[in-house]
Amino acid sequence: MRVTNAPASRKRRTRMLRAAKGFRGRRSKLYRYASDAVDHGRQYAFRDRKTKKRNFRALWQIRINAAARAAGMTYSRFMEGLKAAQVALDRKILAELAATDAAAFAELIQTAQAALKAKTAKV
């Protein structure tokens, strides 16, 4: 007698069709097309989780650079000064401060400038 493994394969196919819910046309109704669509979707999701991090870091750098240049300093010099002053704020927080709290960002600019002066005086 031939064993078809029917309950397990039906469950597997049902799970795939549920994952394809919201897709258009045969991509949500037929197993073969749903399987391809879900596989591609998961590949894109994996890839774009990495891309999202990259894009946000670039956005934060742009925001910090704009605020730093408005205060008369470049992004690279500002980050060098913060590192010399041992300020442990990441770019996400710095970008948030640059966009919402100009006074706090101005203090960070002064801290970075002072640290750069101390660094050049030491050398």
C-alpha atoms as a PDB file:
ATOM      1  CA  MET A   1       0.000   0.000   0.000  1.00  0.00           C
ATOM      2  CA  ARG A   2       1.281   3.452  -0.919  1.00  0.00           C
ATOM      3  CA  VAL A   3       1.694   5.939   1.934  1.00  0.00           C
ATOM      4  CA  THR A   4       0.927   9.524   0.891  1.00  0.00           C
ATOM      5  CA  ASN A   5       1.726  11.383   4.108  1.00  0.00           C
ATOM      6  CA  ALA A   6      -1.505  13.291   3.480  1.00  0.00           C
ATOM      7  CA  PRO A   7      -2.026  15.126   6.808  1.00  0.00           C
ATOM      8  CA  ALA A   8       1.544  16.432   6.958  1.00  0.00           C
ATOM      9  CA  SER A   9       1.710  17.503   3.305  1.00  0.00           C
ATOM     10  CA  ARG A  10      -1.729  19.153   3.537  1.00  0.00           C
ATOM     11  CA  LYS A  11      -0.612  21.016   6.630  1.00  0.00           C
ATOM     12  CA  ARG A  12       2.567  22.127   4.864  1.00  0.00           C
ATOM     13  CA  ARG A  13       0.622  23.381   1.855  1.00  0.00           C
ATOM     14  CA  THR A  14      -1.967  25.124   4.015  1.00  0.00           C
ATOM     15  CA  ARG A  15       0.803  26.869   5.923  1.00  0.00           C
ATOM     16  CA  MET A  16       2.291  28.105   2.657  1.00  0.00           C
ATOM     17  CA  LEU A  17      -1.075  29.377   1.394  1.00  0.00           C
ATOM     18  CA  ARG A  18      -1.642  31.207   4.680  1.00  0.00           C
ATOM     19  CA  ALA A  19       1.772  32.855   4.290  1.00  0.00           C
ATOM     20  CA  ALA A  20       0.701  34.013   0.808  1.00  0.00           C
ATOM     21  CA  LYS A  21      -2.439  35.685   2.159  1.00  0.00           C
ATOM     22  CA  GLY A  22      -2.783  39.145   0.660  1.00  0.00           C
ATOM     23  CA  PHE A  23      -0.968  38.278  -2.565  1.00  0.00           C
ATOM     24  CA  ARG A  24      -2.945  38.851  -5.766  1.00  0.00           C
ATOM     25  CA  GLY A  25      -4.508  36.270  -8.023  1.00  0.00           C
ATOM     26  CA  ARG A  26      -3.117  32.758  -8.296  1.00  0.00           C
ATOM     27  CA  ARG A  27      -0.175  33.695  -6.066  1.00  0.00           C
ATOM     28  CA  SER A  28      -2.515  33.416  -3.075  1.00  0.00           C
ATOM     29  CA  LYS A  29      -4.762  30.579  -4.316  1.00  0.00           C
ATOM     30  CA  LEU A  30      -2.543  27.923  -5.912  1.00  0.00           C
ATOM     31  CA  TYR A  31       0.204  26.171  -3.989  1.00  0.00           C
ATOM     32  CA  ARG A  32       2.878  26.174  -6.715  1.00  0.00           C
ATOM     33  CA  TYR A  33       2.644  29.908  -7.362  1.00  0.00           C
ATOM     34  CA  ALA A  34       2.150  30.753  -3.682  1.00  0.00           C
ATOM     35  CA  SER A  35       5.290  28.807  -2.804  1.00  0.00           C
ATOM     36  CA  ASP A  36       7.371  30.742  -5.339  1.00  0.00           C
ATOM     37  CA  ALA A  37       5.905  34.054  -4.229  1.00  0.00           C
ATOM     38  CA  VAL A  38       6.490  33.397  -0.524  1.00  0.00           C
ATOM     39  CA  ASP A  39      10.058  32.210  -1.161  1.00  0.00           C
ATOM     40  CA  HIS A  40      10.853  35.365  -3.131  1.00  0.00           C
ATOM     41  CA  GLY A  41       9.190  37.496  -0.492  1.00  0.00           C
ATOM     42  CA  ARG A  42      11.290  35.953   2.255  1.00  0.00           C
ATOM     43  CA  GLN A  43      14.473  36.500   0.248  1.00  0.00           C
ATOM     44  CA  TYR A  44      13.576  40.164  -0.198  1.00  0.00           C
ATOM     45  CA  ALA A  45      12.745  40.487   3.505  1.00  0.00           C
ATOM     46  CA  PHE A  46      16.125  39.001   4.516  1.00  0.00           C
ATOM     47  CA  ARG A  47      18.010  41.257   2.109  1.00  0.00           C
ATOM     48  CA  ASP A  48      16.100  44.389   3.020  1.00  0.00           C
ATOM     49  CA  ARG A  49      16.539  43.965   6.761  1.00  0.00           C
ATOM     50  CA  LYS A  50      20.236  44.570   6.072  1.00  0.00           C
ATOM     51  CA  THR A  51      19.517  47.399   3.618  1.00  0.00           C
ATOM     52  CA  LYS A  52      17.265  49.114   6.158  1.00  0.00           C
ATOM     53  CA  LYS A  53      20.133  49.376   8.649  1.00  0.00           C
ATOM     54  CA  ARG A  54      22.396  50.794   5.949  1.00  0.00           C
ATOM     55  CA  ASN A  55      19.804  53.353   4.838  1.00  0.00           C
ATOM     56  CA  PHE A  56      19.081  54.563   8.357  1.00  0.00           C
ATOM     57  CA  ARG A  57      22.769  54.989   9.164  1.00  0.00           C
ATOM     58  CA  ALA A  58      23.172  57.094   5.986  1.00  0.00           C
ATOM     59  CA  LEU A  59      20.136  59.193   6.937  1.00  0.00           C
ATOM     60  CA  TRP A  60      21.510  59.809  10.425  1.00  0.00           C
ATOM     61  CA  GLN A  61      24.871  60.860   8.979  1.00  0.00           C
ATOM     62  CA  ILE A  62      23.159  63.316   6.635  1.00  0.00           C
ATOM     63  CA  ARG A  63      21.165  64.870   9.494  1.00  0.00           C
ATOM     64  CA  ILE A  64      24.190  65.145  11.769  1.00  0.00           C
ATOM     65  CA  ASN A  65      26.284  66.634   8.964  1.00  0.00           C
ATOM     66  CA  ALA A  66      23.626  69.260   8.170  1.00  0.00           C
ATOM     67  CA  ALA A  67      23.367  70.335  11.807  1.00  0.00           C
ATOM     68  CA  ALA A  68      27.132  70.312  12.304  1.00  0.00           C
ATOM     69  CA  ARG A  69      27.722  72.410   9.180  1.00  0.00           C
ATOM     70  CA  ALA A  70      25.088  74.895  10.346  1.00  0.00           C
ATOM     71  CA  ALA A  71      27.243  75.266  13.466  1.00  0.00           C
ATOM     72  CA  GLY A  72      30.407  75.702  11.382  1.00  0.00           C
ATOM     73  CA  MET A  73      31.887  72.227  11.637  1.00  0.00           C
ATOM     74  CA  THR A  74      32.084  69.228   9.322  1.00  0.00           C
ATOM     75  CA  TYR A  75      30.660  65.804  10.131  1.00  0.00           C
ATOM     76  CA  SER A  76      34.025  64.076  10.293  1.00  0.00           C
ATOM     77  CA  ARG A  77      35.585  66.707  12.576  1.00  0.00           C
ATOM     78  CA  PHE A  78      32.492  66.635  14.789  1.00  0.00           C
ATOM     79  CA  MET A  79      32.638  62.854  15.166  1.00  0.00           C
ATOM     80  CA  GLU A  80      36.401  63.008  15.769  1.00  0.00           C
ATOM     81  CA  GLY A  81      35.839  65.586  18.508  1.00  0.00           C
ATOM     82  CA  LEU A  82      33.120  63.503  20.169  1.00  0.00           C
ATOM     83  CA  LYS A  83      35.404  60.479  20.123  1.00  0.00           C
ATOM     84  CA  ALA A  84      38.243  62.523  21.641  1.00  0.00           C
ATOM     85  CA  ALA A  85      35.848  63.806  24.315  1.00  0.00           C
ATOM     86  CA  GLN A  86      34.726  60.211  24.960  1.00  0.00           C
ATOM     87  CA  VAL A  87      31.070  61.046  24.321  1.00  0.00           C
ATOM     88  CA  ALA A  88      29.329  57.693  23.846  1.00  0.00           C
ATOM     89  CA  LEU A  89      26.241  58.721  21.874  1.00  0.00           C
ATOM     90  CA  ASP A  90      25.406  56.778  18.747  1.00  0.00           C
ATOM     91  CA  ARG A  91      24.416  58.331  15.430  1.00  0.00           C
ATOM     92  CA  LYS A  92      20.717  57.617  15.953  1.00  0.00           C
ATOM     93  CA  ILE A  93      20.606  59.717  19.121  1.00  0.00           C
ATOM     94  CA  LEU A  94      22.831  62.426  17.636  1.00  0.00           C
ATOM     95  CA  ALA A  95      20.515  62.727  14.621  1.00  0.00           C
ATOM     96  CA  GLU A  96      17.491  62.946  16.922  1.00  0.00           C
ATOM     97  CA  LEU A  97      19.158  65.705  18.943  1.00  0.00           C
ATOM     98  CA  ALA A  98      20.144  67.534  15.750  1.00  0.00           C
ATOM     99  CA  ALA A  99      16.556  67.472  14.501  1.00  0.00           C
ATOM    100  CA  THR A 100      14.674  68.213  17.738  1.00  0.00           C
ATOM    101  CA  ASP A 101      16.950  69.774  20.376  1.00  0.00           C
ATOM    102  CA  ALA A 102      19.214  72.469  18.937  1.00  0.00           C
ATOM    103  CA  ALA A 103      20.474  73.605  22.363  1.00  0.00           C
ATOM    104  CA  ALA A 104      21.717  70.132  23.336  1.00  0.00           C
ATOM    105  CA  PHE A 105      23.334  69.674  19.927  1.00  0.00           C
ATOM    106  CA  ALA A 106      25.066  73.069  20.287  1.00  0.00           C
ATOM    107  CA  GLU A 107      26.548  71.874  23.589  1.00  0.00           C
ATOM    108  CA  LEU A 108      27.821  68.743  21.860  1.00  0.00           C
ATOM    109  CA  ILE A 109      29.407  70.922  19.164  1.00  0.00           C
ATOM    110  CA  GLN A 110      31.195  72.939  21.869  1.00  0.00           C
ATOM    111  CA  THR A 111      32.319  69.746  23.596  1.00  0.00           C
ATOM    112  CA  ALA A 112      33.699  68.385  20.313  1.00  0.00           C
ATOM    113  CA  GLN A 113      35.493  71.659  19.519  1.00  0.00           C
ATOM    114  CA  ALA A 114      37.076  71.781  22.981  1.00  0.00           C
ATOM    115  CA  ALA A 115      38.220  68.164  22.692  1.00  0.00           C
ATOM    116  CA  LEU A 116      39.742  68.871  19.259  1.00  0.00           C
ATOM    117  CA  LYS A 117      41.630  71.896  20.639  1.00  0.00           C
ATOM    118  CA  ALA A 118      42.949  69.806  23.539  1.00  0.00           C
ATOM    119  CA  LYS A 119      43.935  67.057  21.091  1.00  0.00           C
ATOM    120  CA  THR A 120      45.890  69.438  18.829  1.00  0.00           C
ATOM    121  CA  ALA A 121      47.528  71.116  21.845  1.00  0.00           C
ATOM    122  CA  LYS A 122      48.691  67.719  23.108  1.00  0.00           C
ATOM    123  CA  VAL A 123      50.241  66.823  19.734  1.00  0.00           C
END
